[in-house]
Amino acid sequence: MTAATSCAHHVPARNDVDQACDDPLVIHLVTRARGGDKRAWDALVERYAPLIWSICRQYRLGRDDADDIGQSVWMHLVDQLDKIRNPAALAGWLATTTRRECGRLVRAAHAPGAVVCDAEIIPDKRATAVEQELLAAERHAALREAFTCLPPQGQRLIAMLIADPPVAYAEISARLGIPIGSIGPTRSRCLERMRRHPAVAALINAESGSLRPVMAAAS
């Protein structure tokens, strides 16, 4: 398996975003790629190269620099693929790694102590929107997976707590047959269980806590 791939020079369409996040094929591809399957590796590169390219565009990198960044990111993934516990975290990991590599390249292009002009890293609005949409879908997929692992009573409780309009505690107590005073502690246990789910935990680590506002909706 090699990482000799460059970024695809286009921005992913909405369908690409949906398929990259919701298609269970990604889990199968990651599993096969870990085992050295080159076709699976190539499929992952084809699927996620547009995400890497869109981030490079945010940093106003030229084609050659973007290709170098892509090569570097895929080489890092070769080394780290076995350590990514859940495929749902892959897009977040790639985005974080790409931003780090782009920042390193921009800093290296300037003399020590030089101030980098903001104009050089003004995000391309379309690329930024696509990246944010992809990562948001990844977060939602991870949350859905964690939610389905809760016991049925916990799922019903969380669903009522995040309903719009919110369900009153008295009604929740009547529906679930639990004391009002136990709703808060039960909610906390459910949220903690979701945070510990591998898919959510991996994205929290990759995105430095960006899932917290989502989780807070049920708090």
C-alpha atoms as a PDB file:
ATOM      1  CA  MET A   1       0.000   0.000   0.000  1.00  0.00           C
ATOM      2  CA  THR A   2       1.391   3.363  -1.018  1.00  0.00           C
ATOM      3  CA  ALA A   3       0.412   6.931  -0.304  1.00  0.00           C
ATOM      4  CA  ALA A   4       1.539   8.240  -3.675  1.00  0.00           C
ATOM      5  CA  THR A   5      -1.629  10.188  -4.280  1.00  0.00           C
ATOM      6  CA  SER A   6      -2.396  13.833  -4.832  1.00  0.00           C
ATOM      7  CA  CYS A   7      -5.413  15.896  -3.925  1.00  0.00           C
ATOM      8  CA  ALA A   8      -8.291  15.772  -6.344  1.00  0.00           C
ATOM      9  CA  HIS A   9      -8.629  19.308  -7.675  1.00  0.00           C
ATOM     10  CA  HIS A  10     -12.311  19.833  -7.137  1.00  0.00           C
ATOM     11  CA  VAL A  11     -14.727  20.565  -4.313  1.00  0.00           C
ATOM     12  CA  PRO A  12     -17.015  17.691  -3.301  1.00  0.00           C
ATOM     13  CA  ALA A  13     -20.674  17.924  -4.172  1.00  0.00           C
ATOM     14  CA  ARG A  14     -23.459  17.478  -1.642  1.00  0.00           C
ATOM     15  CA  ASN A  15     -23.842  13.810  -2.597  1.00  0.00           C
ATOM     16  CA  ASP A  16     -20.144  13.259  -1.898  1.00  0.00           C
ATOM     17  CA  VAL A  17     -20.656  14.713   1.562  1.00  0.00           C
ATOM     18  CA  ASP A  18     -23.585  12.457   2.339  1.00  0.00           C
ATOM     19  CA  GLN A  19     -21.945   9.290   1.017  1.00  0.00           C
ATOM     20  CA  ALA A  20     -18.660   9.936   2.812  1.00  0.00           C
ATOM     21  CA  CYS A  21     -20.450  10.178   6.142  1.00  0.00           C
ATOM     22  CA  ASP A  22     -23.394   7.809   5.983  1.00  0.00           C
ATOM     23  CA  ASP A  23     -22.168   5.010   3.704  1.00  0.00           C
ATOM     24  CA  PRO A  24     -21.235   1.988   5.874  1.00  0.00           C
ATOM     25  CA  LEU A  25     -18.843   1.011   3.094  1.00  0.00           C
ATOM     26  CA  VAL A  26     -16.277   3.309   4.752  1.00  0.00           C
ATOM     27  CA  ILE A  27     -16.016   0.905   7.698  1.00  0.00           C
ATOM     28  CA  HIS A  28     -15.386  -1.969   5.321  1.00  0.00           C
ATOM     29  CA  LEU A  29     -12.806   0.015   3.349  1.00  0.00           C
ATOM     30  CA  VAL A  30     -10.873   1.014   6.467  1.00  0.00           C
ATOM     31  CA  THR A  31     -10.848  -2.570   7.697  1.00  0.00           C
ATOM     32  CA  ARG A  32      -9.552  -3.843   4.372  1.00  0.00           C
ATOM     33  CA  ALA A  33      -6.999  -1.039   4.064  1.00  0.00           C
ATOM     34  CA  ARG A  34      -5.624  -1.921   7.480  1.00  0.00           C
ATOM     35  CA  GLY A  35      -5.047  -5.399   6.123  1.00  0.00           C
ATOM     36  CA  GLY A  36      -3.026  -4.066   3.198  1.00  0.00           C
ATOM     37  CA  ASP A  37      -5.730  -4.076   0.512  1.00  0.00           C
ATOM     38  CA  LYS A  38      -4.529  -1.546  -2.072  1.00  0.00           C
ATOM     39  CA  ARG A  39      -7.905  -1.269  -3.792  1.00  0.00           C
ATOM     40  CA  ALA A  40      -9.532  -0.342  -0.469  1.00  0.00           C
ATOM     41  CA  TRP A  41      -6.802   2.223   0.182  1.00  0.00           C
ATOM     42  CA  ASP A  42      -7.288   3.764  -3.267  1.00  0.00           C
ATOM     43  CA  ALA A  43     -11.030   3.956  -2.627  1.00  0.00           C
ATOM     44  CA  LEU A  44     -10.448   5.847   0.627  1.00  0.00           C
ATOM     45  CA  VAL A  45      -8.122   8.259  -1.131  1.00  0.00           C
ATOM     46  CA  GLU A  46     -10.681   8.899  -3.864  1.00  0.00           C
ATOM     47  CA  ARG A  47     -13.397   9.448  -1.279  1.00  0.00           C
ATOM     48  CA  TYR A  48     -11.527  11.898   0.968  1.00  0.00           C
ATOM     49  CA  ALA A  49      -9.068  13.659  -1.367  1.00  0.00           C
ATOM     50  CA  PRO A  50     -11.634  16.403  -2.121  1.00  0.00           C
ATOM     51  CA  LEU A  51     -11.852  17.218   1.594  1.00  0.00           C
ATOM     52  CA  ILE A  52      -8.072  17.651   1.782  1.00  0.00           C
ATOM     53  CA  TRP A  53      -8.050  19.772  -1.361  1.00  0.00           C
ATOM     54  CA  SER A  54     -10.830  22.031  -0.040  1.00  0.00           C
ATOM     55  CA  ILE A  55      -8.801  22.749   3.112  1.00  0.00           C
ATOM     56  CA  CYS A  56      -5.703  23.511   1.032  1.00  0.00           C
ATOM     57  CA  ARG A  57      -7.789  26.032  -0.880  1.00  0.00           C
ATOM     58  CA  GLN A  58      -8.608  27.792   2.377  1.00  0.00           C
ATOM     59  CA  TYR A  59      -4.914  28.441   2.836  1.00  0.00           C
ATOM     60  CA  ARG A  60      -4.594  29.704  -0.750  1.00  0.00           C
ATOM     61  CA  LEU A  61      -1.992  27.069  -1.577  1.00  0.00           C
ATOM     62  CA  GLY A  62      -0.841  26.504  -5.134  1.00  0.00           C
ATOM     63  CA  ARG A  63      -1.319  23.210  -6.921  1.00  0.00           C
ATOM     64  CA  ASP A  64       2.182  21.913  -6.142  1.00  0.00           C
ATOM     65  CA  ASP A  65       1.927  22.817  -2.454  1.00  0.00           C
ATOM     66  CA  ALA A  66      -1.525  21.262  -2.230  1.00  0.00           C
ATOM     67  CA  ASP A  67      -0.195  18.068  -3.791  1.00  0.00           C
ATOM     68  CA  ASP A  68       2.657  18.024  -1.264  1.00  0.00           C
ATOM     69  CA  ILE A  69       0.209  18.481   1.589  1.00  0.00           C
ATOM     70  CA  GLY A  70      -1.973  15.677   0.262  1.00  0.00           C
ATOM     71  CA  GLN A  71       1.023  13.353  -0.012  1.00  0.00           C
ATOM     72  CA  SER A  72       2.079  14.203   3.540  1.00  0.00           C
ATOM     73  CA  VAL A  73      -1.409  13.652   4.974  1.00  0.00           C
ATOM     74  CA  TRP A  74      -1.785  10.257   3.306  1.00  0.00           C
ATOM     75  CA  MET A  75       1.665   9.218   4.526  1.00  0.00           C
ATOM     76  CA  HIS A  76       0.601  10.145   8.055  1.00  0.00           C
ATOM     77  CA  LEU A  77      -2.536   8.082   7.619  1.00  0.00           C
ATOM     78  CA  VAL A  78      -0.496   5.058   6.566  1.00  0.00           C
ATOM     79  CA  ASP A  79       1.281   5.289   9.917  1.00  0.00           C
ATOM     80  CA  GLN A  80      -1.849   6.018  11.947  1.00  0.00           C
ATOM     81  CA  LEU A  81      -4.573   3.929  10.278  1.00  0.00           C
ATOM     82  CA  ASP A  82      -4.328   1.140  12.849  1.00  0.00           C
ATOM     83  CA  LYS A  83      -4.684   3.682  15.669  1.00  0.00           C
ATOM     84  CA  ILE A  84      -7.952   5.219  14.458  1.00  0.00           C
ATOM     85  CA  ARG A  85     -10.381   3.273  16.604  1.00  0.00           C
ATOM     86  CA  ASN A  86     -13.539   4.071  14.657  1.00  0.00           C
ATOM     87  CA  PRO A  87     -13.893   4.837  10.945  1.00  0.00           C
ATOM     88  CA  ALA A  88     -16.446   7.542  11.803  1.00  0.00           C
ATOM     89  CA  ALA A  89     -13.504   9.648  13.000  1.00  0.00           C
ATOM     90  CA  LEU A  90     -11.555   9.390   9.753  1.00  0.00           C
ATOM     91  CA  ALA A  91     -12.828  12.593   8.113  1.00  0.00           C
ATOM     92  CA  GLY A  92     -12.206  14.601  11.284  1.00  0.00           C
ATOM     93  CA  TRP A  93      -8.712  13.146  11.607  1.00  0.00           C
ATOM     94  CA  LEU A  94      -7.907  13.966   7.970  1.00  0.00           C
ATOM     95  CA  ALA A  95      -9.230  17.520   8.319  1.00  0.00           C
ATOM     96  CA  THR A  96      -7.259  18.172  11.501  1.00  0.00           C
ATOM     97  CA  THR A  97      -4.058  16.727  10.027  1.00  0.00           C
ATOM     98  CA  THR A  98      -4.472  18.712   6.809  1.00  0.00           C
ATOM     99  CA  ARG A  99      -4.964  21.996   8.662  1.00  0.00           C
ATOM    100  CA  ARG A 100      -1.877  21.293  10.750  1.00  0.00           C
ATOM    101  CA  GLU A 101       0.213  20.563   7.654  1.00  0.00           C
ATOM    102  CA  CYS A 102      -1.094  23.655   5.849  1.00  0.00           C
ATOM    103  CA  GLY A 103      -0.282  25.852   8.843  1.00  0.00           C
ATOM    104  CA  ARG A 104       3.215  24.384   9.017  1.00  0.00           C
ATOM    105  CA  LEU A 105       3.780  25.095   5.314  1.00  0.00           C
ATOM    106  CA  VAL A 106       2.533  28.672   5.566  1.00  0.00           C
ATOM    107  CA  ARG A 107       4.744  29.372   8.575  1.00  0.00           C
ATOM    108  CA  ALA A 108       7.768  27.799   6.908  1.00  0.00           C
ATOM    109  CA  ALA A 109       7.310  30.037   3.860  1.00  0.00           C
ATOM    110  CA  HIS A 110       7.950  33.154   5.942  1.00  0.00           C
ATOM    111  CA  ALA A 111      11.058  34.322   7.718  1.00  0.00           C
ATOM    112  CA  PRO A 112      11.222  33.658  11.474  1.00  0.00           C
ATOM    113  CA  GLY A 113       9.200  36.239  13.329  1.00  0.00           C
ATOM    114  CA  ALA A 114       7.433  37.469  10.225  1.00  0.00           C
ATOM    115  CA  VAL A 115       3.736  38.210  10.493  1.00  0.00           C
ATOM    116  CA  VAL A 116       1.604  36.220   8.065  1.00  0.00           C
ATOM    117  CA  CYS A 117      -0.889  38.470   6.300  1.00  0.00           C
ATOM    118  CA  ASP A 118      -4.447  37.422   6.963  1.00  0.00           C
ATOM    119  CA  ALA A 119      -5.182  37.718   3.252  1.00  0.00           C
ATOM    120  CA  GLU A 120      -2.987  34.699   2.637  1.00  0.00           C
ATOM    121  CA  ILE A 121      -5.239  32.399   4.647  1.00  0.00           C
ATOM    122  CA  ILE A 122      -8.684  33.877   3.976  1.00  0.00           C
ATOM    123  CA  PRO A 123     -10.937  30.836   3.659  1.00  0.00           C
ATOM    124  CA  ASP A 124     -12.625  30.118   0.387  1.00  0.00           C
ATOM    125  CA  LYS A 125     -16.279  30.364   1.446  1.00  0.00           C
ATOM    126  CA  ARG A 126     -17.495  27.497  -0.714  1.00  0.00           C
ATOM    127  CA  ALA A 127     -14.681  25.175   0.364  1.00  0.00           C
ATOM    128  CA  THR A 128     -15.227  26.077   4.005  1.00  0.00           C
ATOM    129  CA  ALA A 129     -18.956  25.397   3.753  1.00  0.00           C
ATOM    130  CA  VAL A 130     -18.358  21.983   2.207  1.00  0.00           C
ATOM    131  CA  GLU A 131     -15.793  21.023   4.848  1.00  0.00           C
ATOM    132  CA  GLN A 132     -18.063  22.139   7.673  1.00  0.00           C
ATOM    133  CA  GLU A 133     -20.979  20.247   6.169  1.00  0.00           C
ATOM    134  CA  LEU A 134     -18.919  17.076   5.890  1.00  0.00           C
ATOM    135  CA  LEU A 135     -17.610  17.283   9.442  1.00  0.00           C
ATOM    136  CA  ALA A 136     -21.070  18.101  10.807  1.00  0.00           C
ATOM    137  CA  ALA A 137     -22.459  15.031   9.073  1.00  0.00           C
ATOM    138  CA  GLU A 138     -19.651  12.932  10.563  1.00  0.00           C
ATOM    139  CA  ARG A 139     -20.540  14.228  14.033  1.00  0.00           C
ATOM    140  CA  HIS A 140     -24.209  13.479  13.537  1.00  0.00           C
ATOM    141  CA  ALA A 141     -23.413   9.982  12.307  1.00  0.00           C
ATOM    142  CA  ALA A 142     -21.285   9.352  15.402  1.00  0.00           C
ATOM    143  CA  LEU A 143     -24.004  10.695  17.685  1.00  0.00           C
ATOM    144  CA  ARG A 144     -26.643   8.539  16.016  1.00  0.00           C
ATOM    145  CA  GLU A 145     -24.438   5.492  16.467  1.00  0.00           C
ATOM    146  CA  ALA A 146     -23.865   6.299  20.140  1.00  0.00           C
ATOM    147  CA  PHE A 147     -27.572   7.032  20.658  1.00  0.00           C
ATOM    148  CA  THR A 148     -28.621   3.637  19.290  1.00  0.00           C
ATOM    149  CA  CYS A 149     -26.313   1.959  21.810  1.00  0.00           C
ATOM    150  CA  LEU A 150     -28.253   3.427  24.732  1.00  0.00           C
ATOM    151  CA  PRO A 151     -30.880   1.198  26.370  1.00  0.00           C
ATOM    152  CA  PRO A 152     -34.442   1.855  25.091  1.00  0.00           C
ATOM    153  CA  GLN A 153     -35.368   3.813  28.228  1.00  0.00           C
ATOM    154  CA  GLY A 154     -32.313   6.025  27.794  1.00  0.00           C
ATOM    155  CA  GLN A 155     -33.114   6.636  24.129  1.00  0.00           C
ATOM    156  CA  ARG A 156     -36.639   7.713  24.998  1.00  0.00           C
ATOM    157  CA  LEU A 157     -35.372  10.033  27.728  1.00  0.00           C
ATOM    158  CA  ILE A 158     -32.799  11.762  25.525  1.00  0.00           C
ATOM    159  CA  ALA A 159     -35.296  12.074  22.665  1.00  0.00           C
ATOM    160  CA  MET A 160     -37.772  13.856  24.935  1.00  0.00           C
ATOM    161  CA  LEU A 161     -35.097  16.109  26.432  1.00  0.00           C
ATOM    162  CA  ILE A 162     -34.000  17.381  23.019  1.00  0.00           C
ATOM    163  CA  ALA A 163     -37.513  17.629  21.591  1.00  0.00           C
ATOM    164  CA  ASP A 164     -38.707  21.003  20.290  1.00  0.00           C
ATOM    165  CA  PRO A 165     -40.646  22.219  22.160  1.00  0.00           C
ATOM    166  CA  PRO A 166     -39.085  20.526  25.194  1.00  0.00           C
ATOM    167  CA  VAL A 167     -41.112  18.004  27.134  1.00  0.00           C
ATOM    168  CA  ALA A 168     -41.812  18.995  30.740  1.00  0.00           C
ATOM    169  CA  TYR A 169     -40.152  16.922  33.460  1.00  0.00           C
ATOM    170  CA  ALA A 170     -43.558  16.009  34.865  1.00  0.00           C
ATOM    171  CA  GLU A 171     -44.629  14.569  31.519  1.00  0.00           C
ATOM    172  CA  ILE A 172     -41.323  12.711  31.118  1.00  0.00           C
ATOM    173  CA  SER A 173     -41.802  11.242  34.574  1.00  0.00           C
ATOM    174  CA  ALA A 174     -45.318  10.075  33.688  1.00  0.00           C
ATOM    175  CA  ARG A 175     -44.348   8.627  30.304  1.00  0.00           C
ATOM    176  CA  LEU A 176     -41.265   6.771  31.517  1.00  0.00           C
ATOM    177  CA  GLY A 177     -42.571   5.878  34.949  1.00  0.00           C
ATOM    178  CA  ILE A 178     -39.572   7.353  36.771  1.00  0.00           C
ATOM    179  CA  PRO A 179     -39.397   9.961  39.577  1.00  0.00           C
ATOM    180  CA  ILE A 180     -38.766  13.541  38.493  1.00  0.00           C
ATOM    181  CA  GLY A 181     -35.696  13.609  40.742  1.00  0.00           C
ATOM    182  CA  SER A 182     -34.074  10.758  38.821  1.00  0.00           C
ATOM    183  CA  ILE A 183     -34.370  12.401  35.407  1.00  0.00           C
ATOM    184  CA  GLY A 184     -31.257  14.559  35.825  1.00  0.00           C
ATOM    185  CA  PRO A 185     -28.946  11.776  37.063  1.00  0.00           C
ATOM    186  CA  THR A 186     -30.256   9.375  34.401  1.00  0.00           C
ATOM    187  CA  ARG A 187     -29.681  11.988  31.714  1.00  0.00           C
ATOM    188  CA  SER A 188     -26.113  12.521  32.924  1.00  0.00           C
ATOM    189  CA  ARG A 189     -25.392   8.794  32.815  1.00  0.00           C
ATOM    190  CA  CYS A 190     -26.776   8.542  29.284  1.00  0.00           C
ATOM    191  CA  LEU A 191     -24.723  11.496  28.023  1.00  0.00           C
ATOM    192  CA  GLU A 192     -21.571  10.145  29.644  1.00  0.00           C
ATOM    193  CA  ARG A 193     -22.186   6.792  28.018  1.00  0.00           C
ATOM    194  CA  MET A 194     -22.548   8.527  24.630  1.00  0.00           C
ATOM    195  CA  ARG A 195     -19.339  10.491  25.166  1.00  0.00           C
ATOM    196  CA  ARG A 196     -17.471   7.252  25.885  1.00  0.00           C
ATOM    197  CA  HIS A 197     -18.757   5.582  22.738  1.00  0.00           C
ATOM    198  CA  PRO A 198     -15.740   5.029  20.435  1.00  0.00           C
ATOM    199  CA  ALA A 199     -17.212   6.975  17.505  1.00  0.00           C
ATOM    200  CA  VAL A 200     -17.974  10.053  19.621  1.00  0.00           C
ATOM    201  CA  ALA A 201     -14.794   9.861  21.695  1.00  0.00           C
ATOM    202  CA  ALA A 202     -12.660   9.693  18.560  1.00  0.00           C
ATOM    203  CA  LEU A 203     -14.327  12.750  17.040  1.00  0.00           C
ATOM    204  CA  ILE A 204     -14.046  14.709  20.287  1.00  0.00           C
ATOM    205  CA  ASN A 205     -10.310  13.996  20.313  1.00  0.00           C
ATOM    206  CA  ALA A 206      -9.909  14.798  16.623  1.00  0.00           C
ATOM    207  CA  GLU A 207     -11.893  18.021  16.760  1.00  0.00           C
ATOM    208  CA  SER A 208     -10.818  19.227  20.226  1.00  0.00           C
ATOM    209  CA  GLY A 209     -14.239  19.070  21.775  1.00  0.00           C
ATOM    210  CA  SER A 210     -16.322  20.365  18.873  1.00  0.00           C
ATOM    211  CA  LEU A 211     -19.047  17.895  19.783  1.00  0.00           C
ATOM    212  CA  ARG A 212     -19.659  19.548  23.135  1.00  0.00           C
ATOM    213  CA  PRO A 213     -22.280  22.018  21.866  1.00  0.00           C
ATOM    214  CA  VAL A 214     -24.194  19.124  20.286  1.00  0.00           C
ATOM    215  CA  MET A 215     -24.070  17.064  23.454  1.00  0.00           C
ATOM    216  CA  ALA A 216     -25.029  20.126  25.489  1.00  0.00           C
ATOM    217  CA  ALA A 217     -28.400  20.237  23.757  1.00  0.00           C
ATOM    218  CA  ALA A 218     -29.529  17.386  25.966  1.00  0.00           C
ATOM    219  CA  SER A 219     -27.922  18.768  29.112  1.00  0.00           C
END
